[in-house]
Amino acid sequence: MEVIDTKIAEVKILQPKVFGDERGFFLESFNHAQFEQALGIERGFVQDNHSRSAKGVLRGLHYQIEKPQGKLVRVVQGRVFDVAVDVRRSSATFGQWVGVELTAENHRQLWVPEGFAHGFLVLSQSADFLYKTTEYYAPEYERGIFWNDSELAIAWPDMQSIQLSEKDRSASLFSNAETYP
């Protein structure tokens, strides 16, 4: 596995080794020992999630203010633009974001550590998005930041239409969001 740095030191792109031939391919999608050794962190994952979304669906920017979740995310069908936003006030990168295209073809994964809001936009006709979390989903602690907040200035890819849930349409502006210390 290759680890690729992003402009925020804690957010990493993971590129697995892919072995392919005319029959197809094989890759190791997760190896706990390699993950911890490559990133220099110790994490245990407690939950795996799978979502399928149509083109133009934007999910996020979500985080849990208590019981924060680290997420290891990947796409197994389709293509998404995936975003992590630092919501740790004590961080030198507070309010900064990283955006990465994840596709079924590039096999990349993104490590989004605790203390970051996360979201993605589906660029293909549909996408199957898989992610592991370091903490269980706790809806009472879930918070959201408006995806298109001008203070964050996330450079989302141009889409003719964006589909949002009611929860995401009514998310907080970054300046009003509850953040981590």
N, C-alpha and C. Protein backbone atom coordinates (compact mmCIF):
# COMPACT_ATOMS: atom_id res chain seq x y z
N MET A 1 0.84 -1.18 0.00
CA MET A 1 0.00 0.00 0.00
C MET A 1 0.89 1.24 0.00
N GLU A 2 0.54 2.18 -0.86
CA GLU A 2 1.24 3.46 -0.91
C GLU A 2 0.39 4.48 -0.16
N VAL A 3 1.04 5.31 0.65
CA VAL A 3 0.37 6.39 1.37
C VAL A 3 0.74 7.69 0.68
N ILE A 4 -0.28 8.45 0.28
CA ILE A 4 -0.08 9.71 -0.43
C ILE A 4 -0.53 10.84 0.49
N ASP A 5 0.36 11.79 0.74
CA ASP A 5 0.04 12.92 1.60
C ASP A 5 -0.92 13.88 0.89
N THR A 6 -1.71 14.59 1.70
CA THR A 6 -2.57 15.66 1.20
C THR A 6 -2.10 16.96 1.84
N LYS A 7 -2.74 18.05 1.53
CA LYS A 7 -2.32 19.34 2.11
C LYS A 7 -2.62 19.43 3.60
N ILE A 8 -3.43 18.52 4.13
CA ILE A 8 -3.65 18.43 5.58
C ILE A 8 -2.98 17.14 6.03
N ALA A 9 -1.98 17.26 6.89
CA ALA A 9 -1.09 16.14 7.23
C ALA A 9 -1.83 14.89 7.70
N GLU A 10 -2.89 15.03 8.46
CA GLU A 10 -3.58 13.86 9.02
C GLU A 10 -4.47 13.14 8.01
N VAL A 11 -4.88 13.80 6.95
CA VAL A 11 -5.74 13.20 5.93
C VAL A 11 -4.83 12.56 4.89
N LYS A 12 -5.05 11.27 4.63
CA LYS A 12 -4.16 10.53 3.74
C LYS A 12 -4.95 9.81 2.66
N ILE A 13 -4.33 9.71 1.48
CA ILE A 13 -4.86 8.87 0.40
C ILE A 13 -4.10 7.55 0.47
N LEU A 14 -4.82 6.46 0.43
CA LEU A 14 -4.21 5.13 0.44
C LEU A 14 -4.42 4.50 -0.93
N GLN A 15 -3.34 4.07 -1.53
CA GLN A 15 -3.38 3.43 -2.84
C GLN A 15 -2.96 1.98 -2.67
N PRO A 16 -3.92 1.04 -2.72
CA PRO A 16 -3.55 -0.36 -2.55
C PRO A 16 -2.80 -0.89 -3.77
N LYS A 17 -2.06 -1.95 -3.56
CA LYS A 17 -1.44 -2.65 -4.68
C LYS A 17 -2.52 -3.47 -5.36
N VAL A 18 -2.63 -3.31 -6.67
CA VAL A 18 -3.64 -4.02 -7.45
C VAL A 18 -2.92 -4.99 -8.37
N PHE A 19 -3.35 -6.24 -8.32
CA PHE A 19 -2.78 -7.28 -9.16
C PHE A 19 -3.83 -7.67 -10.18
N GLY A 20 -3.55 -7.40 -11.45
CA GLY A 20 -4.55 -7.66 -12.47
C GLY A 20 -3.99 -8.37 -13.68
N ASP A 21 -4.88 -9.04 -14.36
CA ASP A 21 -4.57 -9.66 -15.64
C ASP A 21 -5.86 -9.76 -16.44
N GLU A 22 -5.85 -10.57 -17.50
CA GLU A 22 -7.03 -10.65 -18.36
C GLU A 22 -8.26 -11.20 -17.64
N ARG A 23 -8.07 -11.85 -16.49
CA ARG A 23 -9.20 -12.40 -15.73
C ARG A 23 -9.88 -11.37 -14.84
N GLY A 24 -9.18 -10.28 -14.52
CA GLY A 24 -9.71 -9.29 -13.60
C GLY A 24 -8.60 -8.78 -12.69
N PHE A 25 -8.93 -8.52 -11.44
CA PHE A 25 -7.92 -7.99 -10.52
C PHE A 25 -8.17 -8.52 -9.12
N PHE A 26 -7.13 -8.35 -8.29
CA PHE A 26 -7.19 -8.64 -6.86
C PHE A 26 -6.51 -7.49 -6.14
N LEU A 27 -7.11 -7.08 -5.02
CA LEU A 27 -6.45 -6.13 -4.14
C LEU A 27 -6.87 -6.44 -2.71
N GLU A 28 -6.00 -6.10 -1.80
CA GLU A 28 -6.33 -6.23 -0.38
C GLU A 28 -6.92 -4.90 0.04
N SER A 29 -8.23 -4.86 0.31
CA SER A 29 -8.89 -3.59 0.59
C SER A 29 -8.61 -3.09 2.00
N PHE A 30 -8.28 -3.99 2.92
CA PHE A 30 -7.94 -3.55 4.27
C PHE A 30 -7.09 -4.60 4.96
N ASN A 31 -6.02 -4.13 5.57
CA ASN A 31 -5.17 -4.97 6.39
C ASN A 31 -4.83 -4.12 7.61
N HIS A 32 -5.33 -4.52 8.77
CA HIS A 32 -5.19 -3.72 9.99
C HIS A 32 -3.74 -3.39 10.30
N ALA A 33 -2.87 -4.37 10.27
CA ALA A 33 -1.46 -4.15 10.60
C ALA A 33 -0.81 -3.17 9.62
N GLN A 34 -1.07 -3.35 8.32
CA GLN A 34 -0.50 -2.45 7.32
C GLN A 34 -1.04 -1.03 7.46
N PHE A 35 -2.33 -0.91 7.75
CA PHE A 35 -2.94 0.40 7.94
C PHE A 35 -2.26 1.15 9.08
N GLU A 36 -2.14 0.50 10.23
CA GLU A 36 -1.54 1.16 11.39
C GLU A 36 -0.07 1.46 11.16
N GLN A 37 0.65 0.55 10.53
CA GLN A 37 2.08 0.78 10.28
C GLN A 37 2.27 1.91 9.27
N ALA A 38 1.51 1.91 8.20
CA ALA A 38 1.66 2.92 7.15
C ALA A 38 1.31 4.32 7.62
N LEU A 39 0.28 4.43 8.47
CA LEU A 39 -0.15 5.74 8.94
C LEU A 39 0.46 6.13 10.28
N GLY A 40 1.06 5.17 10.96
CA GLY A 40 1.66 5.46 12.26
C GLY A 40 0.64 5.78 13.33
N ILE A 41 -0.55 5.19 13.21
CA ILE A 41 -1.62 5.41 14.19
C ILE A 41 -2.24 4.08 14.56
N GLU A 42 -2.86 4.04 15.72
CA GLU A 42 -3.59 2.85 16.13
C GLU A 42 -5.08 3.17 16.14
N ARG A 43 -5.82 2.44 15.34
CA ARG A 43 -7.27 2.63 15.27
C ARG A 43 -7.93 1.27 15.14
N GLY A 44 -9.08 1.15 15.77
CA GLY A 44 -9.91 -0.02 15.59
C GLY A 44 -11.20 0.41 14.90
N PHE A 45 -11.60 -0.33 13.91
CA PHE A 45 -12.85 -0.01 13.22
C PHE A 45 -13.97 -0.85 13.81
N VAL A 46 -15.14 -0.23 14.01
CA VAL A 46 -16.25 -0.90 14.67
C VAL A 46 -17.47 -1.07 13.78
N GLN A 47 -17.49 -0.39 12.63
CA GLN A 47 -18.68 -0.42 11.80
C GLN A 47 -18.28 -0.25 10.34
N ASP A 48 -18.90 -1.02 9.44
CA ASP A 48 -18.74 -0.84 8.00
C ASP A 48 -20.08 -0.39 7.43
N ASN A 49 -20.04 0.58 6.52
CA ASN A 49 -21.25 1.12 5.91
C ASN A 49 -21.12 1.08 4.40
N HIS A 50 -22.27 1.00 3.73
CA HIS A 50 -22.33 0.96 2.27
C HIS A 50 -23.51 1.84 1.86
N SER A 51 -23.23 2.84 1.03
CA SER A 51 -24.34 3.64 0.50
C SER A 51 -24.26 3.63 -1.02
N ARG A 52 -25.42 3.68 -1.65
CA ARG A 52 -25.53 3.83 -3.10
C ARG A 52 -26.27 5.12 -3.35
N SER A 53 -25.73 5.92 -4.26
CA SER A 53 -26.34 7.21 -4.55
C SER A 53 -26.31 7.46 -6.04
N ALA A 54 -27.27 8.25 -6.50
CA ALA A 54 -27.38 8.61 -7.91
C ALA A 54 -26.53 9.84 -8.23
N LYS A 55 -26.32 10.07 -9.51
CA LYS A 55 -25.55 11.22 -9.98
C LYS A 55 -26.12 12.51 -9.38
N GLY A 56 -25.21 13.36 -8.91
CA GLY A 56 -25.61 14.66 -8.36
C GLY A 56 -25.99 14.63 -6.90
N VAL A 57 -26.05 13.46 -6.30
CA VAL A 57 -26.34 13.39 -4.85
C VAL A 57 -25.12 13.87 -4.09
N LEU A 58 -25.35 14.80 -3.18
CA LEU A 58 -24.29 15.27 -2.31
C LEU A 58 -24.68 14.91 -0.88
N ARG A 59 -23.81 14.17 -0.20
CA ARG A 59 -24.04 13.78 1.19
C ARG A 59 -22.97 14.46 2.03
N GLY A 60 -23.42 15.25 2.99
CA GLY A 60 -22.47 15.90 3.89
C GLY A 60 -22.67 17.40 3.91
N LEU A 61 -21.90 17.99 4.67
CA LEU A 61 -20.68 17.62 5.39
C LEU A 61 -21.04 17.18 6.80
N HIS A 62 -20.79 15.95 7.17
CA HIS A 62 -21.24 15.36 8.43
C HIS A 62 -20.07 15.07 9.37
N TYR A 63 -20.38 15.13 10.66
CA TYR A 63 -19.44 14.71 11.71
C TYR A 63 -20.23 14.50 12.99
N GLN A 64 -19.61 13.85 13.95
CA GLN A 64 -20.23 13.65 15.27
C GLN A 64 -19.43 14.45 16.29
N ILE A 65 -20.11 15.37 16.99
CA ILE A 65 -19.43 16.26 17.93
C ILE A 65 -18.96 15.49 19.17
N GLU A 66 -19.66 14.46 19.55
CA GLU A 66 -19.20 13.53 20.59
C GLU A 66 -19.13 12.17 19.92
N LYS A 67 -18.30 11.31 20.43
CA LYS A 67 -18.06 10.01 19.79
C LYS A 67 -17.64 10.22 18.33
N PRO A 68 -16.60 11.05 18.11
CA PRO A 68 -16.18 11.35 16.73
C PRO A 68 -15.73 10.09 16.00
N GLN A 69 -16.00 10.09 14.71
CA GLN A 69 -15.69 8.95 13.86
C GLN A 69 -14.52 9.27 12.94
N GLY A 70 -13.52 8.40 12.96
CA GLY A 70 -12.55 8.37 11.88
C GLY A 70 -13.17 7.51 10.79
N LYS A 71 -12.92 7.84 9.53
CA LYS A 71 -13.52 7.09 8.43
C LYS A 71 -12.47 6.72 7.40
N LEU A 72 -12.51 5.49 6.96
CA LEU A 72 -11.71 5.02 5.84
C LEU A 72 -12.70 4.75 4.71
N VAL A 73 -12.66 5.58 3.66
CA VAL A 73 -13.70 5.57 2.63
C VAL A 73 -13.15 5.13 1.28
N ARG A 74 -14.03 4.51 0.48
CA ARG A 74 -13.65 4.09 -0.87
C ARG A 74 -14.90 3.92 -1.72
N VAL A 75 -14.70 3.87 -3.02
CA VAL A 75 -15.77 3.68 -3.99
C VAL A 75 -15.52 2.37 -4.71
N VAL A 76 -16.55 1.51 -4.78
CA VAL A 76 -16.40 0.23 -5.47
C VAL A 76 -17.17 0.19 -6.79
N GLN A 77 -17.99 1.17 -7.03
CA GLN A 77 -18.70 1.31 -8.31
C GLN A 77 -18.96 2.78 -8.50
N GLY A 78 -18.51 3.33 -9.63
CA GLY A 78 -18.77 4.73 -9.92
C GLY A 78 -17.61 5.64 -9.56
N ARG A 79 -17.98 6.93 -9.33
CA ARG A 79 -16.98 7.98 -9.14
C ARG A 79 -17.56 9.07 -8.26
N VAL A 80 -16.80 9.51 -7.25
CA VAL A 80 -17.24 10.59 -6.37
C VAL A 80 -16.11 11.59 -6.15
N PHE A 81 -16.50 12.80 -5.77
CA PHE A 81 -15.56 13.79 -5.26
C PHE A 81 -15.76 13.79 -3.76
N ASP A 82 -14.72 13.39 -3.02
CA ASP A 82 -14.81 13.19 -1.58
C ASP A 82 -14.08 14.32 -0.86
N VAL A 83 -14.67 14.83 0.22
CA VAL A 83 -14.14 16.02 0.90
C VAL A 83 -14.04 15.78 2.41
N ALA A 84 -12.93 16.24 2.98
CA ALA A 84 -12.73 16.26 4.44
C ALA A 84 -12.41 17.69 4.84
N VAL A 85 -13.11 18.19 5.88
CA VAL A 85 -12.91 19.56 6.37
C VAL A 85 -12.47 19.49 7.83
N ASP A 86 -11.38 20.17 8.15
CA ASP A 86 -10.87 20.20 9.52
C ASP A 86 -11.76 21.09 10.38
N VAL A 87 -12.39 20.51 11.40
CA VAL A 87 -13.28 21.28 12.30
C VAL A 87 -12.73 21.27 13.73
N ARG A 88 -11.41 21.22 13.84
CA ARG A 88 -10.72 21.28 15.14
C ARG A 88 -10.17 22.69 15.33
N ARG A 89 -10.78 23.47 16.23
CA ARG A 89 -10.36 24.86 16.44
C ARG A 89 -8.87 24.99 16.80
N SER A 90 -8.31 24.02 17.50
CA SER A 90 -6.91 24.11 17.93
C SER A 90 -5.93 23.74 16.81
N SER A 91 -6.42 23.34 15.67
CA SER A 91 -5.57 22.90 14.57
C SER A 91 -5.12 24.07 13.70
N ALA A 92 -3.89 23.98 13.21
CA ALA A 92 -3.37 24.99 12.28
C ALA A 92 -4.11 24.96 10.95
N THR A 93 -4.82 23.85 10.66
CA THR A 93 -5.56 23.74 9.39
C THR A 93 -7.08 23.86 9.61
N PHE A 94 -7.50 24.42 10.73
CA PHE A 94 -8.93 24.62 11.02
C PHE A 94 -9.60 25.34 9.86
N GLY A 95 -10.70 24.75 9.37
CA GLY A 95 -11.46 25.36 8.28
C GLY A 95 -10.92 25.05 6.90
N GLN A 96 -9.82 24.33 6.81
CA GLN A 96 -9.28 23.94 5.50
C GLN A 96 -9.88 22.60 5.09
N TRP A 97 -9.83 22.33 3.80
CA TRP A 97 -10.43 21.11 3.27
C TRP A 97 -9.50 20.43 2.28
N VAL A 98 -9.75 19.14 2.11
CA VAL A 98 -9.08 18.31 1.12
C VAL A 98 -10.16 17.68 0.27
N GLY A 99 -9.98 17.69 -1.05
CA GLY A 99 -10.91 17.03 -1.96
C GLY A 99 -10.17 16.06 -2.86
N VAL A 100 -10.72 14.84 -2.98
CA VAL A 100 -10.07 13.77 -3.73
C VAL A 100 -11.12 13.05 -4.56
N GLU A 101 -10.77 12.73 -5.80
CA GLU A 101 -11.68 11.90 -6.60
C GLU A 101 -11.39 10.44 -6.30
N LEU A 102 -12.42 9.74 -5.88
CA LEU A 102 -12.34 8.30 -5.62
C LEU A 102 -13.19 7.60 -6.66
N THR A 103 -12.60 6.57 -7.28
CA THR A 103 -13.33 5.84 -8.32
C THR A 103 -13.14 4.34 -8.14
N ALA A 104 -14.02 3.59 -8.76
CA ALA A 104 -13.86 2.14 -8.77
C ALA A 104 -12.58 1.76 -9.51
N GLU A 105 -12.16 2.57 -10.47
CA GLU A 105 -10.98 2.26 -11.27
C GLU A 105 -9.67 2.60 -10.56
N ASN A 106 -9.63 3.72 -9.81
CA ASN A 106 -8.35 4.08 -9.18
C ASN A 106 -8.14 3.38 -7.84
N HIS A 107 -9.18 2.77 -7.29
CA HIS A 107 -9.10 1.97 -6.07
C HIS A 107 -8.61 2.75 -4.85
N ARG A 108 -8.51 4.05 -4.95
CA ARG A 108 -8.00 4.84 -3.83
C ARG A 108 -8.97 4.84 -2.67
N GLN A 109 -8.38 4.99 -1.49
CA GLN A 109 -9.16 5.16 -0.27
C GLN A 109 -8.71 6.46 0.38
N LEU A 110 -9.59 7.07 1.16
CA LEU A 110 -9.23 8.29 1.88
C LEU A 110 -9.41 8.04 3.36
N TRP A 111 -8.37 8.34 4.13
CA TRP A 111 -8.46 8.29 5.60
C TRP A 111 -8.85 9.68 6.07
N VAL A 112 -10.03 9.75 6.70
CA VAL A 112 -10.58 10.98 7.26
C VAL A 112 -10.58 10.80 8.77
N PRO A 113 -9.63 11.42 9.48
CA PRO A 113 -9.54 11.17 10.91
C PRO A 113 -10.65 11.85 11.71
N GLU A 114 -10.73 11.47 12.96
CA GLU A 114 -11.64 12.11 13.89
C GLU A 114 -11.34 13.62 13.90
N GLY A 115 -12.37 14.43 14.05
CA GLY A 115 -12.18 15.87 14.06
C GLY A 115 -12.40 16.54 12.71
N PHE A 116 -12.86 15.74 11.74
CA PHE A 116 -13.11 16.28 10.41
C PHE A 116 -14.55 16.04 10.01
N ALA A 117 -15.14 17.03 9.31
CA ALA A 117 -16.43 16.83 8.67
C ALA A 117 -16.16 16.16 7.33
N HIS A 118 -17.12 15.37 6.86
CA HIS A 118 -16.91 14.58 5.66
C HIS A 118 -18.14 14.66 4.76
N GLY A 119 -17.90 14.69 3.46
CA GLY A 119 -18.99 14.64 2.50
C GLY A 119 -18.50 14.20 1.14
N PHE A 120 -19.43 13.86 0.27
CA PHE A 120 -19.06 13.48 -1.09
C PHE A 120 -20.17 13.80 -2.06
N LEU A 121 -19.75 14.02 -3.32
CA LEU A 121 -20.65 14.31 -4.44
C LEU A 121 -20.47 13.23 -5.49
N VAL A 122 -21.59 12.64 -5.93
CA VAL A 122 -21.53 11.56 -6.93
C VAL A 122 -21.41 12.18 -8.32
N LEU A 123 -20.36 11.77 -9.05
CA LEU A 123 -20.06 12.30 -10.38
C LEU A 123 -20.53 11.37 -11.50
N SER A 124 -20.67 10.09 -11.21
CA SER A 124 -21.09 9.09 -12.20
C SER A 124 -22.61 8.88 -12.11
N GLN A 125 -23.14 8.04 -12.99
CA GLN A 125 -24.60 7.78 -12.97
C GLN A 125 -25.07 7.28 -11.60
N SER A 126 -24.23 6.50 -10.95
CA SER A 126 -24.47 6.09 -9.57
C SER A 126 -23.12 5.73 -8.98
N ALA A 127 -23.08 5.60 -7.66
CA ALA A 127 -21.84 5.20 -6.99
C ALA A 127 -22.17 4.39 -5.76
N ASP A 128 -21.37 3.34 -5.55
CA ASP A 128 -21.43 2.57 -4.32
C ASP A 128 -20.22 2.99 -3.49
N PHE A 129 -20.51 3.52 -2.32
CA PHE A 129 -19.53 4.14 -1.43
C PHE A 129 -19.45 3.31 -0.16
N LEU A 130 -18.26 2.80 0.16
CA LEU A 130 -18.07 1.98 1.35
C LEU A 130 -17.16 2.70 2.32
N TYR A 131 -17.47 2.59 3.61
CA TYR A 131 -16.58 3.20 4.59
C TYR A 131 -16.64 2.48 5.92
N LYS A 132 -15.45 2.45 6.54
CA LYS A 132 -15.26 1.89 7.86
C LYS A 132 -15.23 3.06 8.84
N THR A 133 -15.77 2.88 10.05
CA THR A 133 -15.73 3.93 11.06
C THR A 133 -15.10 3.43 12.35
N THR A 134 -14.47 4.36 13.06
CA THR A 134 -13.81 4.03 14.32
C THR A 134 -14.75 4.16 15.51
N GLU A 135 -15.94 4.65 15.28
CA GLU A 135 -16.95 4.80 16.34
C GLU A 135 -18.31 4.51 15.73
N TYR A 136 -19.23 4.04 16.55
CA TYR A 136 -20.58 3.75 16.08
C TYR A 136 -21.32 5.03 15.74
N TYR A 137 -22.26 4.93 14.82
CA TYR A 137 -23.11 6.06 14.47
C TYR A 137 -23.95 6.44 15.69
N ALA A 138 -23.94 7.72 16.03
CA ALA A 138 -24.69 8.24 17.18
C ALA A 138 -25.47 9.47 16.70
N PRO A 139 -26.71 9.27 16.22
CA PRO A 139 -27.45 10.37 15.60
C PRO A 139 -27.63 11.59 16.51
N GLU A 140 -27.67 11.37 17.82
CA GLU A 140 -27.86 12.51 18.73
C GLU A 140 -26.65 13.45 18.74
N TYR A 141 -25.49 12.98 18.28
CA TYR A 141 -24.29 13.80 18.23
C TYR A 141 -23.93 14.24 16.81
N GLU A 142 -24.72 13.82 15.84
CA GLU A 142 -24.41 14.18 14.45
C GLU A 142 -24.64 15.67 14.22
N ARG A 143 -23.70 16.27 13.51
CA ARG A 143 -23.78 17.68 13.13
C ARG A 143 -23.50 17.77 11.64
N GLY A 144 -23.89 18.90 11.05
CA GLY A 144 -23.65 19.10 9.64
C GLY A 144 -23.28 20.53 9.34
N ILE A 145 -22.43 20.70 8.35
CA ILE A 145 -22.04 22.02 7.86
C ILE A 145 -22.53 22.11 6.42
N PHE A 146 -23.08 23.26 6.06
CA PHE A 146 -23.63 23.45 4.73
C PHE A 146 -22.54 23.25 3.68
N TRP A 147 -22.82 22.40 2.72
CA TRP A 147 -21.86 21.96 1.71
C TRP A 147 -21.25 23.08 0.90
N ASN A 148 -21.99 24.17 0.71
CA ASN A 148 -21.57 25.24 -0.19
C ASN A 148 -21.26 26.52 0.57
N ASP A 149 -20.83 26.40 1.82
CA ASP A 149 -20.51 27.56 2.65
C ASP A 149 -19.37 28.36 2.01
N SER A 150 -19.59 29.65 1.82
CA SER A 150 -18.59 30.48 1.15
C SER A 150 -17.32 30.64 1.97
N GLU A 151 -17.40 30.52 3.28
CA GLU A 151 -16.20 30.62 4.12
C GLU A 151 -15.26 29.45 3.86
N LEU A 152 -15.80 28.27 3.63
CA LEU A 152 -14.97 27.10 3.32
C LEU A 152 -14.49 27.12 1.87
N ALA A 153 -15.31 27.62 0.98
CA ALA A 153 -14.98 27.75 -0.45
C ALA A 153 -14.48 26.43 -1.05
N ILE A 154 -15.22 25.36 -0.80
CA ILE A 154 -14.87 24.06 -1.37
C ILE A 154 -15.09 24.11 -2.89
N ALA A 155 -14.11 23.67 -3.63
CA ALA A 155 -14.18 23.69 -5.10
C ALA A 155 -14.85 22.40 -5.59
N TRP A 156 -16.17 22.29 -5.35
CA TRP A 156 -16.92 21.13 -5.82
C TRP A 156 -16.92 21.12 -7.34
N PRO A 157 -16.88 19.96 -7.97
CA PRO A 157 -17.00 19.90 -9.43
C PRO A 157 -18.36 20.47 -9.86
N ASP A 158 -18.38 21.06 -11.04
CA ASP A 158 -19.63 21.60 -11.57
C ASP A 158 -20.60 20.47 -11.86
N MET A 159 -21.83 20.63 -11.41
CA MET A 159 -22.90 19.68 -11.67
C MET A 159 -24.11 20.49 -12.10
N GLN A 160 -24.90 19.93 -12.99
CA GLN A 160 -26.11 20.64 -13.44
C GLN A 160 -27.12 20.76 -12.32
N SER A 161 -27.19 19.73 -11.48
CA SER A 161 -28.09 19.82 -10.33
C SER A 161 -27.52 18.99 -9.19
N ILE A 162 -27.73 19.50 -7.99
CA ILE A 162 -27.27 18.83 -6.77
C ILE A 162 -28.52 18.35 -6.03
N GLN A 163 -28.49 17.11 -5.58
CA GLN A 163 -29.59 16.56 -4.79
C GLN A 163 -29.14 16.46 -3.34
N LEU A 164 -29.89 17.09 -2.44
CA LEU A 164 -29.57 17.11 -1.02
C LEU A 164 -30.72 16.54 -0.20
N SER A 165 -30.40 15.94 0.92
CA SER A 165 -31.44 15.55 1.87
C SER A 165 -31.91 16.82 2.59
N GLU A 166 -33.04 16.74 3.24
CA GLU A 166 -33.54 17.86 4.03
C GLU A 166 -32.53 18.23 5.11
N LYS A 167 -31.94 17.22 5.74
CA LYS A 167 -30.93 17.44 6.79
C LYS A 167 -29.76 18.25 6.24
N ASP A 168 -29.30 17.93 5.03
CA ASP A 168 -28.16 18.65 4.46
C ASP A 168 -28.54 20.04 3.96
N ARG A 169 -29.78 20.23 3.54
CA ARG A 169 -30.24 21.56 3.12
C ARG A 169 -30.29 22.52 4.30
N SER A 170 -30.52 21.98 5.51
CA SER A 170 -30.65 22.83 6.69
C SER A 170 -29.42 22.78 7.60
N ALA A 171 -28.29 22.34 7.08
CA ALA A 171 -27.05 22.27 7.87
C ALA A 171 -26.58 23.67 8.26
N SER A 172 -25.73 23.73 9.26
CA SER A 172 -25.20 25.01 9.77
C SER A 172 -24.17 25.61 8.82
N LEU A 173 -24.07 26.91 8.87
CA LEU A 173 -22.93 27.57 8.25
C LEU A 173 -21.71 27.27 9.10
N PHE A 174 -20.53 27.28 8.50
CA PHE A 174 -19.31 26.97 9.23
C PHE A 174 -19.13 27.89 10.43
N SER A 175 -19.41 29.17 10.26
CA SER A 175 -19.22 30.14 11.35
C SER A 175 -20.14 29.85 12.55
N ASN A 176 -21.24 29.15 12.33
CA ASN A 176 -22.18 28.83 13.41
C ASN A 176 -22.07 27.38 13.87
N ALA A 177 -21.23 26.60 13.23
CA ALA A 177 -21.15 25.16 13.51
C ALA A 177 -20.50 24.89 14.85
N GLU A 178 -20.99 23.87 15.52
CA GLU A 178 -20.36 23.37 16.72
C GLU A 178 -19.12 22.61 16.28
N THR A 179 -17.97 22.99 16.82
CA THR A 179 -16.70 22.39 16.39
C THR A 179 -15.98 21.77 17.58
N TYR A 180 -14.89 21.08 17.29
CA TYR A 180 -14.07 20.47 18.34
C TYR A 180 -13.12 21.51 18.92
N PRO A 181 -12.69 21.32 20.17
CA PRO A 181 -11.73 22.27 20.75
C PRO A 181 -10.42 22.32 19.98
